Amino acid sequence: MRVAPGAVIGWDMGAALALAQALGVNALIAAELLPEVEAVMVRKLNEQMEGRRNG
């Protein structure tokens, strides 16, 4: 995960693909789906972090 001061900005896709491979997930499917999953997770993590700062 790449983190800037106060925000998550993305995942280490090399590590994510390696994890997918270790779990037996087809690499082409993982490469297609991971960017979509990353976008949602980064948005949600940042929302949680913002809520904790304001809460």
N, C-alpha and C. Protein backbone atom coordinates (compact mmCIF):
# COMPACT_ATOMS: atom_id res chain seq x y z
N MET A 1 0.85 -1.17 0.00
CA MET A 1 0.00 0.00 0.00
C MET A 1 0.90 1.23 0.00
N ARG A 2 0.57 2.19 -0.83
CA ARG A 2 1.29 3.46 -0.86
C ARG A 2 0.48 4.48 -0.06
N VAL A 3 1.16 5.14 0.87
CA VAL A 3 0.47 6.09 1.75
C VAL A 3 1.18 7.43 1.68
N ALA A 4 0.40 8.47 1.49
CA ALA A 4 0.88 9.84 1.57
C ALA A 4 0.48 10.35 2.96
N PRO A 5 1.04 11.44 3.41
CA PRO A 5 0.63 11.95 4.73
C PRO A 5 -0.89 12.13 4.81
N GLY A 6 -1.52 11.28 5.61
CA GLY A 6 -2.95 11.40 5.83
C GLY A 6 -3.84 10.75 4.80
N ALA A 7 -3.28 10.02 3.81
CA ALA A 7 -4.14 9.41 2.79
C ALA A 7 -3.46 8.19 2.17
N VAL A 8 -4.28 7.23 1.79
CA VAL A 8 -3.81 6.08 1.02
C VAL A 8 -3.93 6.47 -0.45
N ILE A 9 -2.87 6.23 -1.23
CA ILE A 9 -2.93 6.62 -2.64
C ILE A 9 -2.90 5.43 -3.59
N GLY A 10 -2.71 4.23 -3.09
CA GLY A 10 -2.76 3.07 -3.97
C GLY A 10 -2.11 1.85 -3.37
N TRP A 11 -2.21 0.76 -4.11
CA TRP A 11 -1.63 -0.52 -3.71
C TRP A 11 -0.35 -0.77 -4.47
N ASP A 12 0.49 -1.64 -3.95
CA ASP A 12 1.64 -2.18 -4.65
C ASP A 12 1.09 -3.30 -5.54
N MET A 13 0.89 -3.00 -6.81
CA MET A 13 0.25 -3.97 -7.70
C MET A 13 1.12 -5.21 -7.94
N GLY A 14 2.43 -5.05 -7.88
CA GLY A 14 3.30 -6.23 -8.00
C GLY A 14 3.04 -7.21 -6.87
N ALA A 15 2.91 -6.67 -5.66
CA ALA A 15 2.62 -7.52 -4.51
C ALA A 15 1.22 -8.12 -4.60
N ALA A 16 0.27 -7.32 -5.07
CA ALA A 16 -1.10 -7.82 -5.21
C ALA A 16 -1.17 -8.95 -6.23
N LEU A 17 -0.47 -8.79 -7.34
CA LEU A 17 -0.45 -9.86 -8.36
C LEU A 17 0.27 -11.10 -7.84
N ALA A 18 1.35 -10.91 -7.07
CA ALA A 18 2.05 -12.05 -6.49
C ALA A 18 1.15 -12.80 -5.51
N LEU A 19 0.39 -12.06 -4.72
CA LEU A 19 -0.55 -12.68 -3.79
C LEU A 19 -1.62 -13.46 -4.55
N ALA A 20 -2.15 -12.85 -5.61
CA ALA A 20 -3.15 -13.53 -6.43
C ALA A 20 -2.59 -14.83 -6.98
N GLN A 21 -1.36 -14.79 -7.48
CA GLN A 21 -0.73 -15.98 -8.03
C GLN A 21 -0.57 -17.04 -6.94
N ALA A 22 -0.13 -16.63 -5.76
CA ALA A 22 0.05 -17.57 -4.65
C ALA A 22 -1.27 -18.22 -4.24
N LEU A 23 -2.35 -17.48 -4.43
CA LEU A 23 -3.68 -18.01 -4.09
C LEU A 23 -4.30 -18.82 -5.23
N GLY A 24 -3.58 -18.90 -6.36
CA GLY A 24 -4.07 -19.68 -7.48
C GLY A 24 -5.03 -18.94 -8.39
N VAL A 25 -5.08 -17.62 -8.29
CA VAL A 25 -5.96 -16.82 -9.14
C VAL A 25 -5.28 -16.62 -10.50
N ASN A 26 -6.02 -16.77 -11.56
CA ASN A 26 -5.50 -16.56 -12.91
C ASN A 26 -4.94 -15.15 -13.02
N ALA A 27 -3.70 -15.02 -13.51
CA ALA A 27 -3.02 -13.73 -13.57
C ALA A 27 -3.76 -12.73 -14.46
N LEU A 28 -4.32 -13.18 -15.57
CA LEU A 28 -5.04 -12.26 -16.45
C LEU A 28 -6.30 -11.72 -15.79
N ILE A 29 -6.99 -12.58 -15.07
CA ILE A 29 -8.20 -12.14 -14.36
C ILE A 29 -7.82 -11.16 -13.25
N ALA A 30 -6.76 -11.49 -12.50
CA ALA A 30 -6.31 -10.60 -11.42
C ALA A 30 -5.91 -9.24 -11.98
N ALA A 31 -5.17 -9.23 -13.08
CA ALA A 31 -4.74 -7.97 -13.68
C ALA A 31 -5.92 -7.14 -14.15
N GLU A 32 -6.97 -7.79 -14.57
CA GLU A 32 -8.17 -7.08 -15.04
C GLU A 32 -8.97 -6.52 -13.87
N LEU A 33 -9.08 -7.28 -12.77
CA LEU A 33 -9.96 -6.90 -11.67
C LEU A 33 -9.29 -6.04 -10.60
N LEU A 34 -7.99 -6.22 -10.37
CA LEU A 34 -7.33 -5.51 -9.27
C LEU A 34 -7.44 -3.99 -9.33
N PRO A 35 -7.31 -3.34 -10.49
CA PRO A 35 -7.44 -1.88 -10.49
C PRO A 35 -8.82 -1.40 -10.01
N GLU A 36 -9.87 -2.13 -10.34
CA GLU A 36 -11.21 -1.76 -9.88
C GLU A 36 -11.34 -1.95 -8.38
N VAL A 37 -10.83 -3.07 -7.88
CA VAL A 37 -10.87 -3.33 -6.44
C VAL A 37 -10.03 -2.30 -5.69
N GLU A 38 -8.84 -1.98 -6.24
CA GLU A 38 -7.97 -0.99 -5.61
C GLU A 38 -8.68 0.36 -5.47
N ALA A 39 -9.36 0.79 -6.51
CA ALA A 39 -10.02 2.11 -6.48
C ALA A 39 -11.05 2.17 -5.36
N VAL A 40 -11.84 1.12 -5.21
CA VAL A 40 -12.86 1.10 -4.16
C VAL A 40 -12.21 1.06 -2.78
N MET A 41 -11.20 0.21 -2.61
CA MET A 41 -10.56 0.08 -1.30
C MET A 41 -9.84 1.37 -0.89
N VAL A 42 -9.17 2.01 -1.82
CA VAL A 42 -8.49 3.27 -1.50
C VAL A 42 -9.50 4.33 -1.07
N ARG A 43 -10.61 4.42 -1.81
CA ARG A 43 -11.65 5.39 -1.45
C ARG A 43 -12.21 5.11 -0.06
N LYS A 44 -12.50 3.85 0.24
CA LYS A 44 -13.09 3.49 1.53
C LYS A 44 -12.09 3.69 2.68
N LEU A 45 -10.83 3.32 2.47
CA LEU A 45 -9.82 3.54 3.51
C LEU A 45 -9.67 5.02 3.81
N ASN A 46 -9.65 5.84 2.78
CA ASN A 46 -9.52 7.28 2.99
C ASN A 46 -10.75 7.85 3.70
N GLU A 47 -11.93 7.34 3.39
CA GLU A 47 -13.14 7.78 4.09
C GLU A 47 -13.05 7.43 5.57
N GLN A 48 -12.57 6.22 5.88
CA GLN A 48 -12.43 5.81 7.28
C GLN A 48 -11.41 6.67 8.00
N MET A 49 -10.29 6.94 7.35
CA MET A 49 -9.26 7.77 7.98
C MET A 49 -9.78 9.18 8.22
N GLU A 50 -10.52 9.72 7.29
CA GLU A 50 -11.10 11.06 7.44
C GLU A 50 -12.11 11.08 8.59
N GLY A 51 -12.91 10.03 8.69
CA GLY A 51 -13.88 9.93 9.77
C GLY A 51 -13.23 9.90 11.14
N ARG A 52 -12.11 9.21 11.25
CA ARG A 52 -11.39 9.16 12.52
C ARG A 52 -10.78 10.49 12.91
N ARG A 53 -10.33 11.23 11.88
CA ARG A 53 -9.75 12.57 12.15
C ARG A 53 -10.84 13.52 12.63
N ASN A 54 -12.02 13.40 12.04
CA ASN A 54 -13.12 14.33 12.36
C ASN A 54 -13.99 13.82 13.50
N GLY A 55 -13.83 12.57 13.87
CA GLY A 55 -14.74 11.96 14.82
C GLY A 55 -14.31 12.02 16.21
